[in-house]
Amino acid sequence: MDTRIVQKHKLLNRWAHWVNFPVLALMVWSGLLIYWANDIYTLFGHKVVPTWVFDTFNLKKQLATGLAWHFALMWLFSFNGLAYVVYMGWAGGWREVFPNKNSFKEALQVMLYDLKLSKVHPPQKKYNGAQKIAYSSIIFMGAGSLASGLAIYKPAQLGWLTALMGGYETSRLIHFLLTIGYCAFFFVHIVQVVRAGWNNFRGMVTGHELIKGEGA
């Protein structure tokens, strides 16, 4: 067996990934503190986030703490996301991440294969169709979170943005739904990383992965 070391992820790509993960996790935590102070959203008459969640993670009603953490982390989240988008545009990495005409077909293949409904193995490449759609969506979700968050934070000073988002309550709802989207993305992403194995994880840590092939 011949083993080769190949580059998979650039440094800034890995940096943005590993900064975003804890920052988004902390923003969800601080957002829950804010939500806990006024949990207005219900689903069929029940709270979207049940009380036991706050009790389990000892999330007391700390509105000021939640706001302070959320706004501080917002700047890091914004600058990190902006740096990533600029880098992807400048270096041409967007061609690898953004979906193309075959991405949705590939995404369906990946879903059917993962659910054991098909034995047809999806195409093996750096990013398959499902990954392209997911990773591109998270960029637009980040932009939506920033816009809706600013619309909530400064509804008077940024009245035009609040109006563009559909008003204060709609902006708050969009912000909340996007948070649920992040949680779903985290869960699926972690499951897929575990399924992909150590070599894939190592690629995002070191930037390189091992490729095994037949020796001479």
N, C-alpha and C. Protein backbone atom coordinates (compact mmCIF):
# COMPACT_ATOMS: atom_id res chain seq x y z
N MET A 1 0.84 -1.20 0.00
CA MET A 1 0.00 0.00 0.00
C MET A 1 0.88 1.25 0.00
N ASP A 2 0.53 2.20 -0.85
CA ASP A 2 1.27 3.46 -0.93
C ASP A 2 0.39 4.56 -0.34
N THR A 3 0.93 5.31 0.61
CA THR A 3 0.16 6.37 1.29
C THR A 3 0.72 7.73 0.92
N ARG A 4 -0.17 8.62 0.51
CA ARG A 4 0.23 9.98 0.15
C ARG A 4 -0.44 10.98 1.09
N ILE A 5 0.26 12.08 1.35
CA ILE A 5 -0.31 13.17 2.13
C ILE A 5 -0.69 14.28 1.17
N VAL A 6 -1.95 14.64 1.15
CA VAL A 6 -2.42 15.68 0.23
C VAL A 6 -3.08 16.80 1.02
N GLN A 7 -2.97 18.00 0.49
CA GLN A 7 -3.60 19.16 1.14
C GLN A 7 -5.08 19.17 0.83
N LYS A 8 -5.88 19.44 1.85
CA LYS A 8 -7.34 19.48 1.66
C LYS A 8 -7.92 20.84 1.99
N HIS A 9 -7.51 21.45 3.11
CA HIS A 9 -8.10 22.72 3.53
C HIS A 9 -7.01 23.74 3.81
N LYS A 10 -7.18 24.95 3.28
CA LYS A 10 -6.26 26.05 3.53
C LYS A 10 -6.38 26.53 4.97
N LEU A 11 -5.35 27.26 5.42
CA LEU A 11 -5.30 27.72 6.81
C LEU A 11 -6.49 28.61 7.17
N LEU A 12 -6.81 29.60 6.33
CA LEU A 12 -7.89 30.53 6.68
C LEU A 12 -9.24 29.80 6.70
N ASN A 13 -9.39 28.81 5.83
CA ASN A 13 -10.61 28.01 5.82
C ASN A 13 -10.77 27.29 7.15
N ARG A 14 -9.67 26.69 7.63
CA ARG A 14 -9.71 25.98 8.92
C ARG A 14 -9.90 26.96 10.07
N TRP A 15 -9.24 28.11 9.98
CA TRP A 15 -9.36 29.12 11.02
C TRP A 15 -10.81 29.58 11.17
N ALA A 16 -11.44 29.90 10.04
CA ALA A 16 -12.84 30.36 10.07
C ALA A 16 -13.74 29.28 10.65
N HIS A 17 -13.47 28.03 10.29
CA HIS A 17 -14.28 26.90 10.78
C HIS A 17 -14.18 26.77 12.29
N TRP A 18 -12.95 26.77 12.80
CA TRP A 18 -12.76 26.52 14.24
C TRP A 18 -13.08 27.73 15.10
N VAL A 19 -13.08 28.92 14.53
CA VAL A 19 -13.53 30.11 15.27
C VAL A 19 -15.05 30.13 15.31
N ASN A 20 -15.67 29.84 14.17
CA ASN A 20 -17.12 29.93 14.08
C ASN A 20 -17.83 28.94 14.99
N PHE A 21 -17.28 27.75 15.12
CA PHE A 21 -17.98 26.72 15.91
C PHE A 21 -18.19 27.15 17.37
N PRO A 22 -17.13 27.52 18.12
CA PRO A 22 -17.38 27.95 19.51
C PRO A 22 -18.12 29.27 19.61
N VAL A 23 -17.86 30.19 18.65
CA VAL A 23 -18.55 31.48 18.68
C VAL A 23 -20.05 31.30 18.50
N LEU A 24 -20.45 30.49 17.52
CA LEU A 24 -21.87 30.24 17.31
C LEU A 24 -22.49 29.51 18.49
N ALA A 25 -21.75 28.57 19.07
CA ALA A 25 -22.26 27.84 20.24
C ALA A 25 -22.51 28.80 21.40
N LEU A 26 -21.58 29.73 21.63
CA LEU A 26 -21.73 30.72 22.70
C LEU A 26 -22.84 31.72 22.38
N MET A 27 -23.01 32.02 21.10
CA MET A 27 -24.09 32.94 20.73
C MET A 27 -25.46 32.28 20.93
N VAL A 28 -25.54 30.99 20.67
CA VAL A 28 -26.79 30.27 20.95
C VAL A 28 -27.06 30.28 22.45
N TRP A 29 -26.01 30.03 23.25
CA TRP A 29 -26.15 30.05 24.71
C TRP A 29 -26.61 31.42 25.20
N SER A 30 -25.94 32.49 24.76
CA SER A 30 -26.33 33.83 25.20
C SER A 30 -27.70 34.21 24.65
N GLY A 31 -28.02 33.71 23.44
CA GLY A 31 -29.34 33.97 22.88
C GLY A 31 -30.43 33.32 23.70
N LEU A 32 -30.15 32.13 24.25
CA LEU A 32 -31.12 31.47 25.12
C LEU A 32 -31.36 32.27 26.40
N LEU A 33 -30.30 32.91 26.91
CA LEU A 33 -30.47 33.76 28.09
C LEU A 33 -31.40 34.93 27.77
N ILE A 34 -31.25 35.49 26.57
CA ILE A 34 -32.11 36.60 26.15
C ILE A 34 -33.54 36.10 25.94
N TYR A 35 -33.66 34.96 25.26
CA TYR A 35 -34.97 34.38 24.99
C TYR A 35 -35.70 34.02 26.28
N TRP A 36 -34.97 33.50 27.26
CA TRP A 36 -35.53 33.09 28.54
C TRP A 36 -36.20 34.26 29.25
N ALA A 37 -35.70 35.48 28.99
CA ALA A 37 -36.27 36.66 29.63
C ALA A 37 -37.64 37.01 29.05
N ASN A 38 -37.90 36.56 27.82
CA ASN A 38 -39.19 36.86 27.19
C ASN A 38 -39.44 35.81 26.10
N ASP A 39 -39.78 34.59 26.52
CA ASP A 39 -39.96 33.48 25.58
C ASP A 39 -41.37 33.51 24.99
N ILE A 40 -41.54 34.37 23.99
CA ILE A 40 -42.88 34.64 23.46
C ILE A 40 -43.34 33.59 22.45
N TYR A 41 -42.41 32.80 21.91
CA TYR A 41 -42.79 31.88 20.83
C TYR A 41 -43.27 30.55 21.38
N THR A 42 -44.41 30.10 20.84
CA THR A 42 -44.97 28.81 21.25
C THR A 42 -45.30 27.99 20.01
N LEU A 43 -45.43 26.70 20.18
CA LEU A 43 -45.79 25.79 19.11
C LEU A 43 -46.93 24.92 19.61
N PHE A 44 -48.12 25.12 19.03
CA PHE A 44 -49.32 24.42 19.47
C PHE A 44 -49.58 24.62 20.97
N GLY A 45 -49.33 25.87 21.41
CA GLY A 45 -49.61 26.21 22.80
C GLY A 45 -48.51 25.87 23.78
N HIS A 46 -47.39 25.30 23.30
CA HIS A 46 -46.29 24.93 24.19
C HIS A 46 -45.04 25.76 23.84
N LYS A 47 -44.23 26.03 24.84
CA LYS A 47 -43.00 26.78 24.61
C LYS A 47 -42.10 26.02 23.64
N VAL A 48 -41.48 26.75 22.71
CA VAL A 48 -40.58 26.12 21.74
C VAL A 48 -39.38 25.52 22.46
N VAL A 49 -38.83 26.28 23.40
CA VAL A 49 -37.74 25.77 24.25
C VAL A 49 -38.33 25.51 25.63
N PRO A 50 -38.55 24.25 26.00
CA PRO A 50 -39.19 23.95 27.28
C PRO A 50 -38.35 24.36 28.48
N THR A 51 -39.01 24.53 29.60
CA THR A 51 -38.34 25.00 30.82
C THR A 51 -37.22 24.07 31.26
N TRP A 52 -37.39 22.74 31.05
CA TRP A 52 -36.37 21.80 31.52
C TRP A 52 -35.02 22.03 30.86
N VAL A 53 -35.02 22.60 29.63
CA VAL A 53 -33.75 22.89 28.96
C VAL A 53 -32.97 23.93 29.75
N PHE A 54 -33.67 24.99 30.18
CA PHE A 54 -33.02 26.04 30.96
C PHE A 54 -32.57 25.51 32.32
N ASP A 55 -33.39 24.65 32.93
CA ASP A 55 -33.04 24.09 34.23
C ASP A 55 -31.84 23.15 34.13
N THR A 56 -31.82 22.33 33.08
CA THR A 56 -30.73 21.36 32.90
C THR A 56 -29.38 22.05 32.74
N PHE A 57 -29.35 23.12 31.96
CA PHE A 57 -28.10 23.83 31.71
C PHE A 57 -27.91 25.04 32.63
N ASN A 58 -28.75 25.10 33.68
CA ASN A 58 -28.64 26.16 34.68
C ASN A 58 -28.65 27.55 34.05
N LEU A 59 -29.55 27.74 33.08
CA LEU A 59 -29.67 29.02 32.39
C LEU A 59 -30.71 29.88 33.12
N LYS A 60 -30.23 30.62 34.07
CA LYS A 60 -31.13 31.48 34.85
C LYS A 60 -31.50 32.72 34.03
N LYS A 61 -32.48 33.44 34.50
CA LYS A 61 -32.93 34.63 33.78
C LYS A 61 -31.93 35.76 33.97
N GLN A 62 -30.94 35.81 33.06
CA GLN A 62 -29.88 36.80 33.13
C GLN A 62 -29.86 37.59 31.83
N LEU A 63 -30.82 38.48 31.68
CA LEU A 63 -30.97 39.23 30.44
C LEU A 63 -29.73 40.08 30.15
N ALA A 64 -29.23 40.80 31.15
CA ALA A 64 -28.08 41.68 30.94
C ALA A 64 -26.84 40.88 30.53
N THR A 65 -26.63 39.75 31.18
CA THR A 65 -25.50 38.89 30.84
C THR A 65 -25.62 38.36 29.42
N GLY A 66 -26.81 37.92 29.07
CA GLY A 66 -27.04 37.41 27.73
C GLY A 66 -26.81 38.46 26.66
N LEU A 67 -27.32 39.66 26.89
CA LEU A 67 -27.14 40.74 25.93
C LEU A 67 -25.68 41.12 25.77
N ALA A 68 -24.95 41.21 26.90
CA ALA A 68 -23.53 41.60 26.86
C ALA A 68 -22.72 40.58 26.05
N TRP A 69 -22.91 39.30 26.33
CA TRP A 69 -22.19 38.25 25.62
C TRP A 69 -22.58 38.23 24.14
N HIS A 70 -23.86 38.35 23.87
CA HIS A 70 -24.36 38.24 22.50
C HIS A 70 -23.80 39.36 21.63
N PHE A 71 -23.82 40.59 22.12
CA PHE A 71 -23.34 41.71 21.32
C PHE A 71 -21.82 41.69 21.16
N ALA A 72 -21.10 41.24 22.20
CA ALA A 72 -19.64 41.13 22.10
C ALA A 72 -19.24 40.07 21.07
N LEU A 73 -19.91 38.93 21.12
CA LEU A 73 -19.61 37.85 20.19
C LEU A 73 -20.04 38.18 18.76
N MET A 74 -21.03 39.06 18.64
CA MET A 74 -21.52 39.45 17.32
C MET A 74 -20.39 40.02 16.47
N TRP A 75 -19.51 40.81 17.08
CA TRP A 75 -18.43 41.43 16.33
C TRP A 75 -17.43 40.39 15.83
N LEU A 76 -17.08 39.44 16.68
CA LEU A 76 -16.16 38.38 16.27
C LEU A 76 -16.78 37.53 15.18
N PHE A 77 -18.05 37.20 15.34
CA PHE A 77 -18.78 36.41 14.35
C PHE A 77 -18.81 37.14 13.00
N SER A 78 -19.08 38.44 13.04
CA SER A 78 -19.18 39.24 11.81
C SER A 78 -17.85 39.35 11.10
N PHE A 79 -16.79 39.70 11.84
CA PHE A 79 -15.46 39.87 11.23
C PHE A 79 -14.93 38.55 10.70
N ASN A 80 -15.16 37.48 11.43
CA ASN A 80 -14.70 36.17 10.99
C ASN A 80 -15.44 35.75 9.71
N GLY A 81 -16.75 35.97 9.68
CA GLY A 81 -17.53 35.63 8.50
C GLY A 81 -17.15 36.48 7.30
N LEU A 82 -16.92 37.78 7.53
CA LEU A 82 -16.53 38.67 6.43
C LEU A 82 -15.17 38.27 5.87
N ALA A 83 -14.22 37.94 6.76
CA ALA A 83 -12.89 37.52 6.32
C ALA A 83 -12.98 36.26 5.48
N TYR A 84 -13.83 35.34 5.90
CA TYR A 84 -13.99 34.08 5.16
C TYR A 84 -14.57 34.32 3.77
N VAL A 85 -15.61 35.14 3.69
CA VAL A 85 -16.25 35.42 2.40
C VAL A 85 -15.29 36.14 1.46
N VAL A 86 -14.55 37.13 1.99
CA VAL A 86 -13.58 37.86 1.16
C VAL A 86 -12.50 36.92 0.67
N TYR A 87 -12.01 36.07 1.55
CA TYR A 87 -10.96 35.12 1.17
C TYR A 87 -11.45 34.15 0.11
N MET A 88 -12.68 33.62 0.29
CA MET A 88 -13.23 32.67 -0.68
C MET A 88 -13.40 33.33 -2.05
N GLY A 89 -13.78 34.61 -2.05
CA GLY A 89 -13.93 35.31 -3.31
C GLY A 89 -12.59 35.61 -3.96
N TRP A 90 -11.62 36.01 -3.14
CA TRP A 90 -10.30 36.38 -3.67
C TRP A 90 -9.51 35.17 -4.16
N ALA A 91 -9.56 34.07 -3.39
CA ALA A 91 -8.78 32.88 -3.72
C ALA A 91 -9.51 31.94 -4.67
N GLY A 92 -10.78 32.21 -4.95
CA GLY A 92 -11.54 31.37 -5.86
C GLY A 92 -12.12 30.12 -5.22
N GLY A 93 -12.05 30.04 -3.88
CA GLY A 93 -12.57 28.86 -3.19
C GLY A 93 -14.08 28.72 -3.30
N TRP A 94 -14.76 29.81 -3.65
CA TRP A 94 -16.22 29.75 -3.76
C TRP A 94 -16.65 28.76 -4.84
N ARG A 95 -15.78 28.51 -5.81
CA ARG A 95 -16.13 27.55 -6.87
C ARG A 95 -16.28 26.14 -6.32
N GLU A 96 -15.54 25.83 -5.25
CA GLU A 96 -15.61 24.51 -4.64
C GLU A 96 -16.81 24.36 -3.72
N VAL A 97 -17.27 25.48 -3.15
CA VAL A 97 -18.31 25.44 -2.11
C VAL A 97 -19.70 25.70 -2.65
N PHE A 98 -19.83 26.61 -3.62
CA PHE A 98 -21.16 26.98 -4.07
C PHE A 98 -21.75 25.90 -4.98
N PRO A 99 -23.06 25.66 -4.83
CA PRO A 99 -23.72 24.61 -5.63
C PRO A 99 -23.67 24.90 -7.12
N ASN A 100 -23.71 23.83 -7.91
CA ASN A 100 -23.83 23.97 -9.35
C ASN A 100 -25.07 23.21 -9.82
N LYS A 101 -25.21 23.02 -11.11
CA LYS A 101 -26.43 22.40 -11.64
C LYS A 101 -26.59 20.94 -11.22
N ASN A 102 -25.49 20.30 -10.80
CA ASN A 102 -25.56 18.90 -10.40
C ASN A 102 -25.70 18.70 -8.88
N SER A 103 -25.59 19.80 -8.13
CA SER A 103 -25.50 19.69 -6.67
C SER A 103 -26.77 19.12 -6.04
N PHE A 104 -27.93 19.52 -6.54
CA PHE A 104 -29.18 19.05 -5.93
C PHE A 104 -29.41 17.57 -6.22
N LYS A 105 -29.01 17.13 -7.41
CA LYS A 105 -29.10 15.71 -7.75
C LYS A 105 -28.16 14.90 -6.85
N GLU A 106 -26.93 15.41 -6.65
CA GLU A 106 -25.97 14.74 -5.78
C GLU A 106 -26.46 14.72 -4.34
N ALA A 107 -27.07 15.83 -3.91
CA ALA A 107 -27.58 15.92 -2.54
C ALA A 107 -28.64 14.86 -2.29
N LEU A 108 -29.50 14.63 -3.28
CA LEU A 108 -30.53 13.59 -3.16
C LEU A 108 -29.87 12.21 -3.07
N GLN A 109 -28.82 11.98 -3.85
CA GLN A 109 -28.10 10.72 -3.79
C GLN A 109 -27.49 10.50 -2.41
N VAL A 110 -26.90 11.56 -1.86
CA VAL A 110 -26.28 11.48 -0.53
C VAL A 110 -27.33 11.15 0.53
N MET A 111 -28.47 11.83 0.47
CA MET A 111 -29.53 11.62 1.45
C MET A 111 -30.06 10.18 1.38
N LEU A 112 -30.33 9.69 0.17
CA LEU A 112 -30.84 8.33 0.01
C LEU A 112 -29.82 7.30 0.47
N TYR A 113 -28.55 7.56 0.19
CA TYR A 113 -27.49 6.63 0.60
C TYR A 113 -27.33 6.62 2.12
N ASP A 114 -27.35 7.79 2.74
CA ASP A 114 -27.21 7.88 4.19
C ASP A 114 -28.38 7.24 4.92
N LEU A 115 -29.57 7.33 4.32
CA LEU A 115 -30.76 6.74 4.93
C LEU A 115 -30.92 5.26 4.57
N LYS A 116 -29.91 4.70 3.88
CA LYS A 116 -29.93 3.27 3.50
C LYS A 116 -31.07 2.94 2.54
N LEU A 117 -31.52 3.96 1.78
CA LEU A 117 -32.59 3.74 0.82
C LEU A 117 -32.04 3.50 -0.58
N SER A 118 -30.74 3.67 -0.73
CA SER A 118 -30.09 3.45 -2.02
C SER A 118 -28.69 2.89 -1.78
N LYS A 119 -28.26 2.01 -2.66
CA LYS A 119 -26.91 1.44 -2.57
C LYS A 119 -25.94 2.14 -3.52
N VAL A 120 -26.44 3.13 -4.25
CA VAL A 120 -25.59 3.89 -5.16
C VAL A 120 -24.74 4.87 -4.36
N HIS A 121 -23.43 4.66 -4.36
CA HIS A 121 -22.54 5.51 -3.56
C HIS A 121 -22.41 6.88 -4.22
N PRO A 122 -22.59 7.96 -3.45
CA PRO A 122 -22.47 9.32 -4.00
C PRO A 122 -21.06 9.56 -4.53
N PRO A 123 -20.89 10.53 -5.43
CA PRO A 123 -19.55 10.87 -5.95
C PRO A 123 -18.61 11.26 -4.82
N GLN A 124 -17.36 10.77 -4.89
CA GLN A 124 -16.37 11.05 -3.87
C GLN A 124 -15.48 12.20 -4.33
N LYS A 125 -15.61 13.33 -3.68
CA LYS A 125 -14.78 14.50 -3.98
C LYS A 125 -14.72 15.38 -2.75
N LYS A 126 -14.00 16.48 -2.87
CA LYS A 126 -13.78 17.33 -1.69
C LYS A 126 -15.09 17.74 -1.05
N TYR A 127 -16.04 18.25 -1.83
CA TYR A 127 -17.36 18.60 -1.33
C TYR A 127 -18.40 18.01 -2.26
N ASN A 128 -19.29 17.17 -1.71
CA ASN A 128 -20.36 16.65 -2.54
C ASN A 128 -21.51 17.66 -2.60
N GLY A 129 -22.54 17.34 -3.36
CA GLY A 129 -23.63 18.28 -3.55
C GLY A 129 -24.31 18.70 -2.26
N ALA A 130 -24.51 17.74 -1.35
CA ALA A 130 -25.16 18.05 -0.07
C ALA A 130 -24.30 19.01 0.75
N GLN A 131 -22.99 18.80 0.76
CA GLN A 131 -22.10 19.68 1.50
C GLN A 131 -22.08 21.07 0.91
N LYS A 132 -22.06 21.17 -0.42
CA LYS A 132 -22.07 22.48 -1.06
C LYS A 132 -23.31 23.27 -0.69
N ILE A 133 -24.46 22.61 -0.72
CA ILE A 133 -25.70 23.29 -0.38
C ILE A 133 -25.70 23.72 1.09
N ALA A 134 -25.24 22.82 1.97
CA ALA A 134 -25.22 23.12 3.41
C ALA A 134 -24.25 24.24 3.73
N TYR A 135 -23.03 24.17 3.18
CA TYR A 135 -22.01 25.17 3.51
C TYR A 135 -22.33 26.53 2.90
N SER A 136 -22.96 26.54 1.74
CA SER A 136 -23.39 27.81 1.15
C SER A 136 -24.55 28.41 1.94
N SER A 137 -25.46 27.54 2.36
CA SER A 137 -26.62 28.01 3.13
C SER A 137 -26.18 28.66 4.43
N ILE A 138 -25.16 28.09 5.07
CA ILE A 138 -24.73 28.63 6.37
C ILE A 138 -24.17 30.04 6.22
N ILE A 139 -23.59 30.35 5.04
CA ILE A 139 -23.09 31.70 4.79
C ILE A 139 -24.25 32.69 4.73
N PHE A 140 -25.29 32.31 4.00
CA PHE A 140 -26.46 33.19 3.88
C PHE A 140 -27.23 33.26 5.20
N MET A 141 -27.22 32.17 5.96
CA MET A 141 -27.83 32.19 7.29
C MET A 141 -27.11 33.17 8.21
N GLY A 142 -25.77 33.18 8.09
CA GLY A 142 -24.98 34.12 8.90
C GLY A 142 -25.32 35.56 8.56
N ALA A 143 -25.44 35.84 7.27
CA ALA A 143 -25.81 37.20 6.84
C ALA A 143 -27.21 37.55 7.34
N GLY A 144 -28.12 36.58 7.29
CA GLY A 144 -29.48 36.81 7.78
C GLY A 144 -29.52 37.04 9.27
N SER A 145 -28.70 36.30 10.01
CA SER A 145 -28.63 36.49 11.47
C SER A 145 -28.10 37.86 11.82
N LEU A 146 -27.07 38.29 11.10
CA LEU A 146 -26.49 39.60 11.37
C LEU A 146 -27.50 40.71 11.07
N ALA A 147 -28.17 40.60 9.92
CA ALA A 147 -29.14 41.64 9.53
C ALA A 147 -30.32 41.68 10.49
N SER A 148 -30.88 40.51 10.81
CA SER A 148 -32.04 40.48 11.72
C SER A 148 -31.63 40.87 13.13
N GLY A 149 -30.40 40.50 13.54
CA GLY A 149 -29.93 40.87 14.87
C GLY A 149 -29.76 42.37 15.01
N LEU A 150 -29.19 43.02 13.99
CA LEU A 150 -29.03 44.48 14.02
C LEU A 150 -30.39 45.17 13.97
N ALA A 151 -31.34 44.57 13.24
CA ALA A 151 -32.69 45.15 13.17
C ALA A 151 -33.36 45.12 14.53
N ILE A 152 -33.05 44.10 15.34
CA ILE A 152 -33.60 44.01 16.70
C ILE A 152 -32.84 44.92 17.65
N TYR A 153 -31.52 44.96 17.48
CA TYR A 153 -30.64 45.69 18.39
C TYR A 153 -30.85 47.21 18.28
N LYS A 154 -30.97 47.72 17.06
CA LYS A 154 -31.11 49.16 16.85
C LYS A 154 -32.31 49.45 15.94
N PRO A 155 -33.53 49.15 16.40
CA PRO A 155 -34.70 49.36 15.53
C PRO A 155 -34.98 50.82 15.22
N ALA A 156 -34.51 51.72 16.08
CA ALA A 156 -34.74 53.15 15.82
C ALA A 156 -33.67 53.70 14.87
N GLN A 157 -32.40 53.44 15.21
CA GLN A 157 -31.30 53.94 14.38
C GLN A 157 -31.25 53.26 13.02
N LEU A 158 -31.63 51.99 12.97
CA LEU A 158 -31.62 51.22 11.73
C LEU A 158 -33.04 50.86 11.31
N GLY A 159 -33.90 51.88 11.33
CA GLY A 159 -35.30 51.66 11.01
C GLY A 159 -35.51 51.09 9.62
N TRP A 160 -34.66 51.52 8.67
CA TRP A 160 -34.79 51.03 7.30
C TRP A 160 -34.53 49.53 7.23
N LEU A 161 -33.56 49.06 8.04
CA LEU A 161 -33.23 47.63 8.04
C LEU A 161 -34.35 46.82 8.71
N THR A 162 -34.87 47.36 9.81
CA THR A 162 -35.98 46.70 10.50
C THR A 162 -37.20 46.59 9.58
N ALA A 163 -37.46 47.66 8.84
CA ALA A 163 -38.59 47.64 7.90
C ALA A 163 -38.33 46.64 6.78
N LEU A 164 -37.08 46.59 6.31
CA LEU A 164 -36.72 45.67 5.24
C LEU A 164 -36.90 44.21 5.68
N MET A 165 -36.67 43.96 6.97
CA MET A 165 -36.82 42.60 7.51
C MET A 165 -38.27 42.27 7.84
N GLY A 166 -39.17 43.23 7.64
CA GLY A 166 -40.59 42.97 7.89
C GLY A 166 -41.09 43.49 9.21
N GLY A 167 -40.30 44.33 9.89
CA GLY A 167 -40.70 44.87 11.19
C GLY A 167 -39.96 44.19 12.33
N TYR A 168 -40.14 44.74 13.53
CA TYR A 168 -39.39 44.25 14.69
C TYR A 168 -39.75 42.81 15.03
N GLU A 169 -41.02 42.49 15.11
CA GLU A 169 -41.42 41.13 15.50
C GLU A 169 -41.00 40.10 14.45
N THR A 170 -41.12 40.47 13.17
CA THR A 170 -40.70 39.55 12.12
C THR A 170 -39.19 39.35 12.17
N SER A 171 -38.44 40.42 12.43
CA SER A 171 -36.98 40.31 12.54
C SER A 171 -36.60 39.37 13.68
N ARG A 172 -37.32 39.49 14.78
CA ARG A 172 -37.04 38.63 15.94
C ARG A 172 -37.35 37.17 15.62
N LEU A 173 -38.44 36.95 14.90
CA LEU A 173 -38.81 35.59 14.52
C LEU A 173 -37.78 34.98 13.56
N ILE A 174 -37.34 35.78 12.58
CA ILE A 174 -36.31 35.31 11.64
C ILE A 174 -35.04 34.94 12.40
N HIS A 175 -34.64 35.79 13.34
CA HIS A 175 -33.44 35.55 14.14
C HIS A 175 -33.58 34.24 14.92
N PHE A 176 -34.75 34.03 15.47
CA PHE A 176 -35.02 32.82 16.27
C PHE A 176 -35.00 31.57 15.39
N LEU A 177 -35.64 31.64 14.23
CA LEU A 177 -35.69 30.48 13.32
C LEU A 177 -34.30 30.14 12.79
N LEU A 178 -33.50 31.16 12.53
CA LEU A 178 -32.14 30.90 12.07
C LEU A 178 -31.31 30.21 13.15
N THR A 179 -31.58 30.55 14.41
CA THR A 179 -30.89 29.88 15.51
C THR A 179 -31.23 28.40 15.55
N ILE A 180 -32.50 28.08 15.33
CA ILE A 180 -32.90 26.67 15.25
C ILE A 180 -32.19 25.99 14.08
N GLY A 181 -32.05 26.73 12.99
CA GLY A 181 -31.35 26.20 11.82
C GLY A 181 -29.89 25.88 12.14
N TYR A 182 -29.22 26.75 12.92
CA TYR A 182 -27.83 26.48 13.32
C TYR A 182 -27.74 25.22 14.16
N CYS A 183 -28.66 25.06 15.09
CA CYS A 183 -28.65 23.88 15.96
C CYS A 183 -28.82 22.60 15.13
N ALA A 184 -29.73 22.65 14.15
CA ALA A 184 -29.94 21.49 13.27
C ALA A 184 -28.69 21.23 12.44
N PHE A 185 -28.06 22.29 11.95
CA PHE A 185 -26.83 22.15 11.17
C PHE A 185 -25.72 21.53 12.01
N PHE A 186 -25.56 22.01 13.26
CA PHE A 186 -24.55 21.46 14.15
C PHE A 186 -24.74 19.95 14.32
N PHE A 187 -25.97 19.56 14.59
CA PHE A 187 -26.26 18.15 14.85
C PHE A 187 -25.92 17.28 13.64
N VAL A 188 -26.42 17.69 12.47
CA VAL A 188 -26.16 16.91 11.25
C VAL A 188 -24.67 16.91 10.92
N HIS A 189 -24.03 18.06 11.07
CA HIS A 189 -22.61 18.19 10.75
C HIS A 189 -21.77 17.26 11.62
N ILE A 190 -22.04 17.24 12.90
CA ILE A 190 -21.28 16.39 13.81
C ILE A 190 -21.49 14.92 13.49
N VAL A 191 -22.73 14.54 13.22
CA VAL A 191 -23.03 13.14 12.84
C VAL A 191 -22.27 12.76 11.58
N GLN A 192 -22.25 13.65 10.59
CA GLN A 192 -21.56 13.36 9.34
C GLN A 192 -20.04 13.28 9.53
N VAL A 193 -19.51 14.12 10.41
CA VAL A 193 -18.07 14.08 10.69
C VAL A 193 -17.70 12.74 11.32
N VAL A 194 -18.51 12.28 12.25
CA VAL A 194 -18.27 10.98 12.89
C VAL A 194 -18.34 9.86 11.86
N ARG A 195 -19.32 9.94 10.97
CA ARG A 195 -19.48 8.93 9.92
C ARG A 195 -18.30 8.93 8.95
N ALA A 196 -17.78 10.13 8.66
CA ALA A 196 -16.70 10.25 7.68
C ALA A 196 -15.38 9.68 8.21
N GLY A 197 -15.20 9.69 9.53
CA GLY A 197 -14.00 9.10 10.11
C GLY A 197 -12.90 10.10 10.44
N TRP A 198 -11.84 9.56 11.03
CA TRP A 198 -10.75 10.37 11.57
C TRP A 198 -10.00 11.13 10.49
N ASN A 199 -9.80 10.50 9.32
CA ASN A 199 -9.02 11.13 8.26
C ASN A 199 -9.64 12.44 7.82
N ASN A 200 -10.97 12.46 7.72
CA ASN A 200 -11.68 13.68 7.33
C ASN A 200 -11.55 14.75 8.41
N PHE A 201 -11.66 14.33 9.67
CA PHE A 201 -11.52 15.28 10.78
C PHE A 201 -10.11 15.85 10.82
N ARG A 202 -9.12 15.00 10.61
CA ARG A 202 -7.73 15.43 10.61
C ARG A 202 -7.48 16.48 9.53
N GLY A 203 -8.17 16.32 8.39
CA GLY A 203 -8.01 17.27 7.31
C GLY A 203 -8.42 18.68 7.71
N MET A 204 -9.46 18.80 8.54
CA MET A 204 -9.89 20.12 8.99
C MET A 204 -9.02 20.65 10.12
N VAL A 205 -8.29 19.78 10.80
CA VAL A 205 -7.39 20.21 11.88
C VAL A 205 -6.03 20.61 11.33
N THR A 206 -5.42 19.73 10.53
CA THR A 206 -4.06 19.96 10.03
C THR A 206 -4.02 20.53 8.62
N GLY A 207 -5.13 20.39 7.89
CA GLY A 207 -5.16 20.84 6.51
C GLY A 207 -4.79 19.76 5.51
N HIS A 208 -4.38 18.59 6.01
CA HIS A 208 -3.95 17.51 5.13
C HIS A 208 -4.67 16.21 5.49
N GLU A 209 -4.77 15.33 4.53
CA GLU A 209 -5.31 14.01 4.79
C GLU A 209 -4.47 12.96 4.10
N LEU A 210 -4.59 11.74 4.57
CA LEU A 210 -3.84 10.61 4.02
C LEU A 210 -4.67 9.91 2.96
N ILE A 211 -4.08 9.70 1.82
CA ILE A 211 -4.73 8.98 0.73
C ILE A 211 -3.98 7.68 0.50
N LYS A 212 -4.68 6.57 0.65
CA LYS A 212 -4.06 5.26 0.48
C LYS A 212 -4.36 4.74 -0.93
N GLY A 213 -3.33 4.22 -1.57
CA GLY A 213 -3.48 3.66 -2.91
C GLY A 213 -2.60 2.45 -3.06
N GLU A 214 -2.68 1.83 -4.19
CA GLU A 214 -1.87 0.65 -4.47
C GLU A 214 -0.44 1.05 -4.74
N GLY A 215 0.48 0.36 -4.12
CA GLY A 215 1.89 0.62 -4.34
C GLY A 215 2.35 0.04 -5.66
N ALA A 216 3.58 0.38 -6.06
CA ALA A 216 4.12 -0.09 -7.33
C ALA A 216 4.44 -1.56 -7.26
